[in-house]
Amino acid sequence: MNHQELVDQVSAFFIRQSGKMESRRSWLAMRIYLEQLDSEQLKEMLKETP
């Protein structure tokens, strides 16, 4: 799985978890943050999901 796919999966998890995103701005801020993480950090976030 490449880095972009990991970012997509983690952001999708957070959207499902909250039920919605507050705004496009908050969604974009989350995506920017996730894109700065390395693949191992993203994989670790996915492991911690129930």
Protein backbone atom coordinates (compact mmCIF):
# COMPACT_ATOMS: atom_id res chain seq x y z
CA MET A 1 0.00 0.00 0.00
CA ASN A 2 1.46 3.35 -0.96
CA HIS A 3 1.56 6.49 1.19
CA GLN A 4 -1.46 8.13 -0.46
CA GLU A 5 -3.60 5.04 0.09
CA LEU A 6 -2.63 5.03 3.76
CA VAL A 7 -3.58 8.71 4.08
CA ASP A 8 -6.92 7.93 2.41
CA GLN A 9 -7.62 5.03 4.78
CA VAL A 10 -6.74 6.93 7.93
CA SER A 11 -8.78 9.99 6.93
CA ALA A 12 -11.74 7.75 5.99
CA PHE A 13 -11.51 6.12 9.42
CA PHE A 14 -11.65 9.50 11.17
CA ILE A 15 -14.64 10.58 9.08
CA ARG A 16 -16.49 7.34 9.93
CA GLN A 17 -15.54 7.73 13.58
CA SER A 18 -16.92 11.25 13.86
CA GLY A 19 -19.85 10.71 11.51
CA LYS A 20 -19.02 13.85 9.54
CA MET A 21 -16.37 16.46 8.97
CA GLU A 22 -17.04 19.88 10.42
CA SER A 23 -15.92 21.72 7.32
CA ARG A 24 -13.81 21.42 4.23
CA ARG A 25 -11.16 23.45 6.04
CA SER A 26 -10.93 20.93 8.89
CA TRP A 27 -10.85 18.04 6.38
CA LEU A 28 -8.03 19.73 4.49
CA ALA A 29 -6.08 20.43 7.70
CA MET A 30 -6.38 16.76 8.68
CA ARG A 31 -5.21 15.62 5.23
CA ILE A 32 -2.21 17.96 5.32
CA TYR A 33 -1.27 16.63 8.74
CA LEU A 34 -1.62 12.99 7.67
CA GLU A 35 0.43 13.57 4.52
CA GLN A 36 3.31 14.81 6.68
CA LEU A 37 3.45 11.53 8.59
CA ASP A 38 5.54 8.68 7.28
CA SER A 39 4.04 5.38 6.18
CA GLU A 40 4.96 3.59 9.39
CA GLN A 41 3.14 6.19 11.50
CA LEU A 42 0.05 5.85 9.30
CA LYS A 43 0.16 2.05 9.54
CA GLU A 44 0.39 2.33 13.31
CA MET A 45 -2.70 4.57 13.36
CA LEU A 46 -4.60 1.95 11.35
CA LYS A 47 -3.52 -0.80 13.76
CA GLU A 48 -4.97 1.16 16.66
CA THR A 49 -8.42 1.31 15.05
CA PRO A 50 -11.02 -1.02 16.54
